[in-house]
PDB file of all heavy atoms in Angstrom:
ATOM      1  N   VAL A   1      18.827  -2.520 -16.554  1.00  0.00           N
ATOM      2  CA  VAL A   1      17.448  -2.865 -16.076  1.00  0.00           C
ATOM      3  C   VAL A   1      16.817  -3.957 -16.960  1.00  0.00           C
ATOM      4  O   VAL A   1      16.277  -5.007 -16.393  1.00  0.00           O
ATOM      5  CB  VAL A   1      16.473  -1.699 -16.065  1.00  0.00           C
ATOM      6  CG1 VAL A   1      15.188  -2.054 -15.612  1.00  0.00           C
ATOM      7  CG2 VAL A   1      17.036  -0.522 -15.164  1.00  0.00           C
ATOM      8  N   TYR A   2      17.036  -3.924 -18.274  1.00  0.00           N
ATOM      9  CA  TYR A   2      16.297  -4.850 -19.183  1.00  0.00           C
ATOM     10  C   TYR A   2      17.121  -6.130 -19.305  1.00  0.00           C
ATOM     11  O   TYR A   2      16.575  -7.190 -19.848  1.00  0.00           O
ATOM     12  CB  TYR A   2      15.968  -4.246 -20.439  1.00  0.00           C
ATOM     13  CG  TYR A   2      14.884  -3.158 -20.366  1.00  0.00           C
ATOM     14  CD1 TYR A   2      15.070  -1.903 -19.913  1.00  0.00           C
ATOM     15  CD2 TYR A   2      13.566  -3.606 -20.716  1.00  0.00           C
ATOM     16  CE1 TYR A   2      13.989  -1.035 -19.865  1.00  0.00           C
ATOM     17  CE2 TYR A   2      12.486  -2.659 -20.602  1.00  0.00           C
ATOM     18  CZ  TYR A   2      12.669  -1.335 -20.202  1.00  0.00           C
ATOM     19  OH  TYR A   2      11.713  -0.514 -20.146  1.00  0.00           O
ATOM     20  N   ASN A   3      18.420  -6.047 -19.011  1.00  0.00           N
ATOM     21  CA  ASN A   3      19.213  -7.319 -18.997  1.00  0.00           C
ATOM     22  C   ASN A   3      19.184  -8.158 -20.315  1.00  0.00           C
ATOM     23  O   ASN A   3      18.914  -9.273 -20.336  1.00  0.00           O
ATOM     24  CB  ASN A   3      18.845  -8.249 -17.794  1.00  0.00           C
ATOM     25  CG  ASN A   3      19.884  -9.252 -17.502  1.00  0.00           C
ATOM     26  OD1 ASN A   3      21.100  -8.969 -17.512  1.00  0.00           O
ATOM     27  ND2 ASN A   3      19.481 -10.396 -17.092  1.00  0.00           N
ATOM     28  N   HIS A   4      19.274  -7.367 -21.431  1.00  0.00           N
ATOM     29  CA  HIS A   4      19.366  -7.935 -22.790  1.00  0.00           C
ATOM     30  C   HIS A   4      18.074  -8.552 -23.232  1.00  0.00           C
ATOM     31  O   HIS A   4      18.031  -9.486 -24.006  1.00  0.00           O
ATOM     32  CB  HIS A   4      20.486  -9.017 -22.855  1.00  0.00           C
ATOM     33  CG  HIS A   4      21.820  -8.471 -22.379  1.00  0.00           C
ATOM     34  ND1 HIS A   4      22.500  -7.530 -23.019  1.00  0.00           N
ATOM     35  CD2 HIS A   4      22.539  -8.817 -21.331  1.00  0.00           C
ATOM     36  CE1 HIS A   4      23.615  -7.255 -22.403  1.00  0.00           C
ATOM     37  NE2 HIS A   4      23.702  -8.056 -21.375  1.00  0.00           N
ATOM     38  N   THR A   5      16.950  -8.140 -22.695  1.00  0.00           N
ATOM     39  CA  THR A   5      15.604  -8.685 -23.058  1.00  0.00           C
ATOM     40  C   THR A   5      14.874  -7.616 -23.905  1.00  0.00           C
ATOM     41  O   THR A   5      13.614  -7.802 -24.095  1.00  0.00           O
ATOM     42  CB  THR A   5      14.795  -9.003 -21.866  1.00  0.00           C
ATOM     43  OG1 THR A   5      14.534  -7.838 -21.038  1.00  0.00           O
ATOM     44  CG2 THR A   5      15.523 -10.099 -21.074  1.00  0.00           C
ATOM     45  N   ALA A   6      15.505  -6.561 -24.394  1.00  0.00           N
ATOM     46  CA  ALA A   6      14.825  -5.502 -25.065  1.00  0.00           C
ATOM     47  C   ALA A   6      15.647  -4.851 -26.107  1.00  0.00           C
ATOM     48  O   ALA A   6      16.938  -4.987 -26.044  1.00  0.00           O
ATOM     49  CB  ALA A   6      14.271  -4.437 -24.174  1.00  0.00           C
ATOM     50  N   VAL A   7      15.096  -4.152 -27.050  1.00  0.00           N
ATOM     51  CA  VAL A   7      15.875  -3.409 -28.049  1.00  0.00           C
ATOM     52  C   VAL A   7      15.513  -1.907 -27.820  1.00  0.00           C
ATOM     53  O   VAL A   7      14.411  -1.593 -27.345  1.00  0.00           O
ATOM     54  CB  VAL A   7      15.571  -3.787 -29.524  1.00  0.00           C
ATOM     55  CG1 VAL A   7      15.974  -5.214 -29.770  1.00  0.00           C
ATOM     56  CG2 VAL A   7      14.027  -3.607 -29.796  1.00  0.00           C
ATOM     57  N   PRO A   8      16.393  -1.004 -28.154  1.00  0.00           N
ATOM     58  CA  PRO A   8      16.071   0.414 -27.964  1.00  0.00           C
ATOM     59  C   PRO A   8      14.899   0.827 -28.813  1.00  0.00           C
ATOM     60  O   PRO A   8      14.756   0.479 -29.959  1.00  0.00           O
ATOM     61  CB  PRO A   8      17.371   1.116 -28.445  1.00  0.00           C
ATOM     62  CG  PRO A   8      18.438   0.148 -28.463  1.00  0.00           C
ATOM     63  CD  PRO A   8      17.769  -1.183 -28.751  1.00  0.00           C
ATOM     64  N   ALA A   9      13.991   1.660 -28.291  1.00  0.00           N
ATOM     65  CA  ALA A   9      12.822   2.144 -28.965  1.00  0.00           C
ATOM     66  C   ALA A   9      13.155   3.504 -29.599  1.00  0.00           C
ATOM     67  O   ALA A   9      13.720   4.341 -28.945  1.00  0.00           O
ATOM     68  CB  ALA A   9      11.646   2.281 -27.912  1.00  0.00           C
ATOM     69  N   VAL A  10      12.759   3.636 -30.813  1.00  0.00           N
ATOM     70  CA  VAL A  10      12.976   4.821 -31.649  1.00  0.00           C
ATOM     71  C   VAL A  10      11.605   5.488 -31.836  1.00  0.00           C
ATOM     72  O   VAL A  10      11.391   6.661 -31.616  1.00  0.00           O
ATOM     73  CB  VAL A  10      13.754   4.613 -32.920  1.00  0.00           C
ATOM     74  CG1 VAL A  10      13.870   5.923 -33.727  1.00  0.00           C
ATOM     75  CG2 VAL A  10      15.095   3.983 -32.640  1.00  0.00           C
ATOM     76  N   ASN A  11      10.723   4.681 -32.430  1.00  0.00           N
ATOM     77  CA  ASN A  11       9.345   5.157 -32.785  1.00  0.00           C
ATOM     78  C   ASN A  11       8.364   4.692 -31.698  1.00  0.00           C
ATOM     79  O   ASN A  11       8.697   3.953 -30.818  1.00  0.00           O
ATOM     80  CB  ASN A  11       8.987   4.580 -34.176  1.00  0.00           C
ATOM     81  CG  ASN A  11       9.806   5.226 -35.269  1.00  0.00           C
ATOM     82  OD1 ASN A  11      10.162   6.369 -35.211  1.00  0.00           O
ATOM     83  ND2 ASN A  11      10.194   4.447 -36.243  1.00  0.00           N
ATOM     84  N   PRO A  12       7.140   5.123 -31.873  1.00  0.00           N
ATOM     85  CA  PRO A  12       6.039   4.753 -30.846  1.00  0.00           C
ATOM     86  C   PRO A  12       5.656   3.329 -30.852  1.00  0.00           C
ATOM     87  O   PRO A  12       4.881   2.848 -29.951  1.00  0.00           O
ATOM     88  CB  PRO A  12       4.891   5.695 -31.167  1.00  0.00           C
ATOM     89  CG  PRO A  12       5.471   6.759 -31.937  1.00  0.00           C
ATOM     90  CD  PRO A  12       6.570   6.129 -32.813  1.00  0.00           C
ATOM     91  N   PHE A  13       6.071   2.565 -31.917  1.00  0.00           N
ATOM     92  CA  PHE A  13       5.791   1.113 -31.867  1.00  0.00           C
ATOM     93  C   PHE A  13       6.985   0.341 -32.430  1.00  0.00           C
ATOM     94  O   PHE A  13       7.912   0.921 -33.080  1.00  0.00           O
ATOM     95  CB  PHE A  13       4.515   0.782 -32.625  1.00  0.00           C
ATOM     96  CG  PHE A  13       4.435   1.365 -34.080  1.00  0.00           C
ATOM     97  CD1 PHE A  13       5.280   0.927 -35.038  1.00  0.00           C
ATOM     98  CD2 PHE A  13       3.497   2.277 -34.393  1.00  0.00           C
ATOM     99  CE1 PHE A  13       5.205   1.382 -36.398  1.00  0.00           C
ATOM    100  CE2 PHE A  13       3.378   2.823 -35.690  1.00  0.00           C
ATOM    101  CZ  PHE A  13       4.308   2.409 -36.681  1.00  0.00           C
ATOM    102  N   PRO A  14       7.044  -0.938 -32.202  1.00  0.00           N
ATOM    103  CA  PRO A  14       8.224  -1.745 -32.512  1.00  0.00           C
ATOM    104  C   PRO A  14       8.429  -2.010 -34.016  1.00  0.00           C
ATOM    105  O   PRO A  14       7.470  -1.934 -34.785  1.00  0.00           O
ATOM    106  CB  PRO A  14       8.078  -3.089 -31.796  1.00  0.00           C
ATOM    107  CG  PRO A  14       6.555  -3.174 -31.630  1.00  0.00           C
ATOM    108  CD  PRO A  14       5.990  -1.758 -31.518  1.00  0.00           C
ATOM    109  N   PRO A  15       9.628  -2.392 -34.375  1.00  0.00           N
ATOM    110  CA  PRO A  15       9.936  -2.574 -35.799  1.00  0.00           C
ATOM    111  C   PRO A  15       9.099  -3.729 -36.458  1.00  0.00           C
ATOM    112  O   PRO A  15       8.970  -3.820 -37.683  1.00  0.00           O
ATOM    113  CB  PRO A  15      11.382  -3.032 -35.833  1.00  0.00           C
ATOM    114  CG  PRO A  15      11.908  -2.356 -34.639  1.00  0.00           C
ATOM    115  CD  PRO A  15      10.906  -2.434 -33.608  1.00  0.00           C
ATOM    116  N   ILE A  16       8.559  -4.665 -35.688  1.00  0.00           N
ATOM    117  CA  ILE A  16       7.726  -5.734 -36.227  1.00  0.00           C
ATOM    118  C   ILE A  16       6.353  -5.178 -36.578  1.00  0.00           C
ATOM    119  O   ILE A  16       5.632  -6.055 -37.297  1.00  0.00           O
ATOM    120  CB  ILE A  16       7.651  -6.927 -35.298  1.00  0.00           C
ATOM    121  CG1 ILE A  16       6.905  -6.482 -33.903  1.00  0.00           C
ATOM    122  CG2 ILE A  16       8.969  -7.598 -34.920  1.00  0.00           C
ATOM    123  CD1 ILE A  16       6.540  -7.592 -33.028  1.00  0.00           C
ATOM    124  N   GLN A  17       5.963  -4.103 -36.200  1.00  0.00           N
ATOM    125  CA  GLN A  17       4.653  -3.546 -36.545  1.00  0.00           C
ATOM    126  C   GLN A  17       4.705  -3.032 -37.990  1.00  0.00           C
ATOM    127  O   GLN A  17       5.555  -2.220 -38.331  1.00  0.00           O
ATOM    128  CB  GLN A  17       4.277  -2.459 -35.647  1.00  0.00           C
ATOM    129  CG  GLN A  17       2.982  -1.701 -35.989  1.00  0.00           C
ATOM    130  CD  GLN A  17       1.700  -2.528 -35.768  1.00  0.00           C
ATOM    131  OE1 GLN A  17       1.371  -2.830 -34.661  1.00  0.00           O
ATOM    132  NE2 GLN A  17       1.087  -2.935 -36.820  1.00  0.00           N
ATOM    133  N   TRP A  18       3.799  -3.401 -38.851  1.00  0.00           N
ATOM    134  CA  TRP A  18       3.770  -2.758 -40.226  1.00  0.00           C
ATOM    135  C   TRP A  18       3.648  -1.301 -40.163  1.00  0.00           C
ATOM    136  O   TRP A  18       3.014  -0.723 -39.348  1.00  0.00           O
ATOM    137  CB  TRP A  18       2.728  -3.528 -41.126  1.00  0.00           C
ATOM    138  CG  TRP A  18       1.299  -3.298 -40.717  1.00  0.00           C
ATOM    139  CD1 TRP A  18       0.570  -4.121 -39.956  1.00  0.00           C
ATOM    140  CD2 TRP A  18       0.422  -2.242 -41.166  1.00  0.00           C
ATOM    141  NE1 TRP A  18      -0.739  -3.655 -39.837  1.00  0.00           N
ATOM    142  CE2 TRP A  18      -0.850  -2.465 -40.558  1.00  0.00           C
ATOM    143  CE3 TRP A  18       0.597  -1.096 -41.955  1.00  0.00           C
ATOM    144  CZ2 TRP A  18      -1.910  -1.616 -40.784  1.00  0.00           C
ATOM    145  CZ3 TRP A  18      -0.481  -0.216 -42.119  1.00  0.00           C
ATOM    146  CH2 TRP A  18      -1.763  -0.509 -41.553  1.00  0.00           C
ATOM    147  N   SER A  19       4.259  -0.653 -41.159  1.00  0.00           N
ATOM    148  CA  SER A  19       4.367   0.787 -41.290  1.00  0.00           C
ATOM    149  C   SER A  19       5.434   1.423 -40.408  1.00  0.00           C
ATOM    150  O   SER A  19       5.528   2.676 -40.364  1.00  0.00           O
ATOM    151  CB  SER A  19       2.979   1.494 -41.061  1.00  0.00           C
ATOM    152  OG  SER A  19       2.713   1.688 -39.679  1.00  0.00           O
ATOM    153  N   TYR A  20       6.300   0.612 -39.783  1.00  0.00           N
ATOM    154  CA  TYR A  20       7.407   1.167 -38.976  1.00  0.00           C
ATOM    155  C   TYR A  20       8.310   1.985 -39.912  1.00  0.00           C
ATOM    156  O   TYR A  20       8.737   1.428 -41.012  1.00  0.00           O
ATOM    157  CB  TYR A  20       8.172   0.079 -38.332  1.00  0.00           C
ATOM    158  CG  TYR A  20       9.258   0.485 -37.402  1.00  0.00           C
ATOM    159  CD1 TYR A  20       9.063   0.837 -36.063  1.00  0.00           C
ATOM    160  CD2 TYR A  20      10.587   0.624 -37.878  1.00  0.00           C
ATOM    161  CE1 TYR A  20      10.066   1.250 -35.296  1.00  0.00           C
ATOM    162  CE2 TYR A  20      11.629   1.037 -37.095  1.00  0.00           C
ATOM    163  CZ  TYR A  20      11.391   1.312 -35.741  1.00  0.00           C
ATOM    164  OH  TYR A  20      12.456   1.687 -34.978  1.00  0.00           O
ATOM    165  N   ASN A  21       8.713   3.181 -39.618  1.00  0.00           N
ATOM    166  CA  ASN A  21       9.641   4.042 -40.343  1.00  0.00           C
ATOM    167  C   ASN A  21      11.073   3.840 -39.906  1.00  0.00           C
ATOM    168  O   ASN A  21      11.489   4.354 -38.853  1.00  0.00           O
ATOM    169  CB  ASN A  21       9.192   5.453 -40.215  1.00  0.00           C
ATOM    170  CG  ASN A  21       9.805   6.280 -41.274  1.00  0.00           C
ATOM    171  OD1 ASN A  21      10.928   5.936 -41.816  1.00  0.00           O
ATOM    172  ND2 ASN A  21       9.363   7.495 -41.610  1.00  0.00           N
ATOM    173  N   ARG A  22      11.848   3.143 -40.681  1.00  0.00           N
ATOM    174  CA  ARG A  22      13.227   2.813 -40.308  1.00  0.00           C
ATOM    175  C   ARG A  22      14.131   4.057 -40.702  1.00  0.00           C
ATOM    176  O   ARG A  22      15.360   3.951 -40.380  1.00  0.00           O
ATOM    177  CB  ARG A  22      13.706   1.589 -41.073  1.00  0.00           C
ATOM    178  CG  ARG A  22      12.895   0.299 -40.565  1.00  0.00           C
ATOM    179  CD  ARG A  22      13.426  -0.924 -41.246  1.00  0.00           C
ATOM    180  NE  ARG A  22      12.694  -2.065 -40.854  1.00  0.00           N
ATOM    181  CZ  ARG A  22      12.857  -2.773 -39.659  1.00  0.00           C
ATOM    182  NH1 ARG A  22      13.875  -2.371 -38.852  1.00  0.00           N
ATOM    183  NH2 ARG A  22      12.105  -3.764 -39.363  1.00  0.00           N
ATOM    184  N   GLU A  23      13.625   5.085 -41.327  1.00  0.00           N
ATOM    185  CA  GLU A  23      14.443   6.237 -41.581  1.00  0.00           C
ATOM    186  C   GLU A  23      14.465   7.269 -40.516  1.00  0.00           C
ATOM    187  O   GLU A  23      15.191   8.349 -40.596  1.00  0.00           O
ATOM    188  CB  GLU A  23      13.963   6.856 -42.937  1.00  0.00           C
ATOM    189  CG  GLU A  23      14.144   5.934 -44.132  1.00  0.00           C
ATOM    190  CD  GLU A  23      13.668   6.601 -45.379  1.00  0.00           C
ATOM    191  OE1 GLU A  23      13.233   7.810 -45.371  1.00  0.00           O
ATOM    192  OE2 GLU A  23      13.681   5.961 -46.483  1.00  0.00           O
ATOM    193  N   VAL A  24      13.741   7.039 -39.456  1.00  0.00           N
ATOM    194  CA  VAL A  24      13.705   7.972 -38.347  1.00  0.00           C
ATOM    195  C   VAL A  24      14.905   7.688 -37.492  1.00  0.00           C
ATOM    196  O   VAL A  24      15.148   6.529 -37.052  1.00  0.00           O
ATOM    197  CB  VAL A  24      12.401   7.799 -37.517  1.00  0.00           C
ATOM    198  CG1 VAL A  24      12.444   8.640 -36.267  1.00  0.00           C
ATOM    199  CG2 VAL A  24      11.156   8.231 -38.341  1.00  0.00           C
ATOM    200  N   ASP A  25      15.685   8.694 -37.136  1.00  0.00           N
ATOM    201  CA  ASP A  25      16.868   8.522 -36.238  1.00  0.00           C
ATOM    202  C   ASP A  25      16.476   8.706 -34.781  1.00  0.00           C
ATOM    203  O   ASP A  25      15.652   9.545 -34.488  1.00  0.00           O
ATOM    204  CB  ASP A  25      17.924   9.530 -36.628  1.00  0.00           C
ATOM    205  CG  ASP A  25      18.495   9.358 -38.013  1.00  0.00           C
ATOM    206  OD1 ASP A  25      18.658   8.186 -38.397  1.00  0.00           O
ATOM    207  OD2 ASP A  25      18.888  10.296 -38.648  1.00  0.00           O
ATOM    208  N   ASP A  26      17.127   7.922 -33.905  1.00  0.00           N
ATOM    209  CA  ASP A  26      16.911   8.016 -32.493  1.00  0.00           C
ATOM    210  C   ASP A  26      17.555   9.362 -31.943  1.00  0.00           C
ATOM    211  O   ASP A  26      18.508   9.873 -32.608  1.00  0.00           O
ATOM    212  CB  ASP A  26      17.442   6.886 -31.802  1.00  0.00           C
ATOM    213  CG  ASP A  26      16.739   6.613 -30.407  1.00  0.00           C
ATOM    214  OD1 ASP A  26      15.804   7.387 -30.103  1.00  0.00           O
ATOM    215  OD2 ASP A  26      17.149   5.672 -29.740  1.00  0.00           O
ATOM    216  N   ASP A  27      17.114   9.710 -30.706  1.00  0.00           N
ATOM    217  CA  ASP A  27      17.723  10.857 -30.046  1.00  0.00           C
ATOM    218  C   ASP A  27      19.185  10.574 -29.799  1.00  0.00           C
ATOM    219  O   ASP A  27      19.562   9.399 -29.318  1.00  0.00           O
ATOM    220  CB  ASP A  27      16.961  11.169 -28.823  1.00  0.00           C
ATOM    221  CG  ASP A  27      15.508  11.378 -28.876  1.00  0.00           C
ATOM    222  OD1 ASP A  27      15.136  12.293 -29.544  1.00  0.00           O
ATOM    223  OD2 ASP A  27      14.727  10.499 -28.441  1.00  0.00           O
ATOM    224  N   GLU A  28      20.048  11.510 -30.112  1.00  0.00           N
ATOM    225  CA  GLU A  28      21.422  11.248 -29.672  1.00  0.00           C
ATOM    226  C   GLU A  28      21.665  11.491 -28.202  1.00  0.00           C
ATOM    227  O   GLU A  28      20.949  12.267 -27.676  1.00  0.00           O
ATOM    228  CB  GLU A  28      22.362  12.177 -30.469  1.00  0.00           C
ATOM    229  CG  GLU A  28      22.256  13.673 -30.177  1.00  0.00           C
ATOM    230  CD  GLU A  28      23.322  14.513 -30.800  1.00  0.00           C
ATOM    231  OE1 GLU A  28      24.446  14.023 -30.845  1.00  0.00           O
ATOM    232  OE2 GLU A  28      23.029  15.627 -31.151  1.00  0.00           O
ATOM    233  N   TYR A  29      22.602  10.765 -27.599  1.00  0.00           N
ATOM    234  CA  TYR A  29      22.875  11.010 -26.248  1.00  0.00           C
ATOM    235  C   TYR A  29      23.967  12.024 -26.208  1.00  0.00           C
ATOM    236  O   TYR A  29      25.156  11.729 -26.634  1.00  0.00           O
ATOM    237  CB  TYR A  29      23.350   9.679 -25.517  1.00  0.00           C
ATOM    238  CG  TYR A  29      23.876   9.812 -24.147  1.00  0.00           C
ATOM    239  CD1 TYR A  29      23.059  10.461 -23.160  1.00  0.00           C
ATOM    240  CD2 TYR A  29      25.144   9.432 -23.741  1.00  0.00           C
ATOM    241  CE1 TYR A  29      23.562  10.722 -21.899  1.00  0.00           C
ATOM    242  CE2 TYR A  29      25.646   9.616 -22.523  1.00  0.00           C
ATOM    243  CZ  TYR A  29      24.788  10.252 -21.551  1.00  0.00           C
ATOM    244  OH  TYR A  29      25.337  10.365 -20.277  1.00  0.00           O
ATOM    245  N   ASN A  30      23.670  13.237 -25.784  1.00  0.00           N
ATOM    246  CA  ASN A  30      24.628  14.402 -25.848  1.00  0.00           C
ATOM    247  C   ASN A  30      24.286  15.342 -24.713  1.00  0.00           C
ATOM    248  O   ASN A  30      23.636  16.363 -24.938  1.00  0.00           O
ATOM    249  CB  ASN A  30      24.497  15.052 -27.216  1.00  0.00           C
ATOM    250  CG  ASN A  30      25.655  16.059 -27.441  1.00  0.00           C
ATOM    251  OD1 ASN A  30      26.148  16.613 -26.545  1.00  0.00           O
ATOM    252  ND2 ASN A  30      26.025  16.229 -28.699  1.00  0.00           N
ATOM    253  N   PRO A  31      24.680  15.111 -23.477  1.00  0.00           N
ATOM    254  CA  PRO A  31      24.448  15.962 -22.346  1.00  0.00           C
ATOM    255  C   PRO A  31      24.955  17.406 -22.535  1.00  0.00           C
ATOM    256  O   PRO A  31      24.169  18.335 -22.077  1.00  0.00           O
ATOM    257  CB  PRO A  31      25.183  15.274 -21.173  1.00  0.00           C
ATOM    258  CG  PRO A  31      25.319  13.856 -21.526  1.00  0.00           C
ATOM    259  CD  PRO A  31      25.467  13.913 -23.040  1.00  0.00           C
ATOM    260  N   ALA A  32      26.017  17.610 -23.165  1.00  0.00           N
ATOM    261  CA  ALA A  32      26.521  18.942 -23.375  1.00  0.00           C
ATOM    262  C   ALA A  32      25.551  19.754 -24.249  1.00  0.00           C
ATOM    263  O   ALA A  32      25.283  21.062 -23.952  1.00  0.00           O
ATOM    264  CB  ALA A  32      27.928  18.918 -24.025  1.00  0.00           C
ATOM    265  N   ARG A  33      25.091  19.148 -25.255  1.00  0.00           N
ATOM    266  CA  ARG A  33      24.124  19.803 -26.145  1.00  0.00           C
ATOM    267  C   ARG A  33      22.808  20.053 -25.479  1.00  0.00           C
ATOM    268  O   ARG A  33      22.136  21.074 -25.684  1.00  0.00           O
ATOM    269  CB  ARG A  33      23.905  19.007 -27.481  1.00  0.00           C
ATOM    270  CG  ARG A  33      23.123  19.732 -28.559  1.00  0.00           C
ATOM    271  CD  ARG A  33      22.944  18.963 -29.735  1.00  0.00           C
ATOM    272  NE  ARG A  33      21.992  19.543 -30.688  1.00  0.00           N
ATOM    273  CZ  ARG A  33      21.481  18.935 -31.696  1.00  0.00           C
ATOM    274  NH1 ARG A  33      21.734  17.723 -31.950  1.00  0.00           N
ATOM    275  NH2 ARG A  33      20.603  19.567 -32.488  1.00  0.00           N
TER     276      ARG A  33
END
C-alpha cells in the first residue's frame, strides 16, 4: 500500500520526534503465537 514511502511504526510518534525511545521493540509477526 505505501509503495516505499513509509517506515514501520513502532512507537506512537516517528523517530524524528525528540524523546523517541529506540529501545522499544516492535510487535513480532507470529500468527501461531
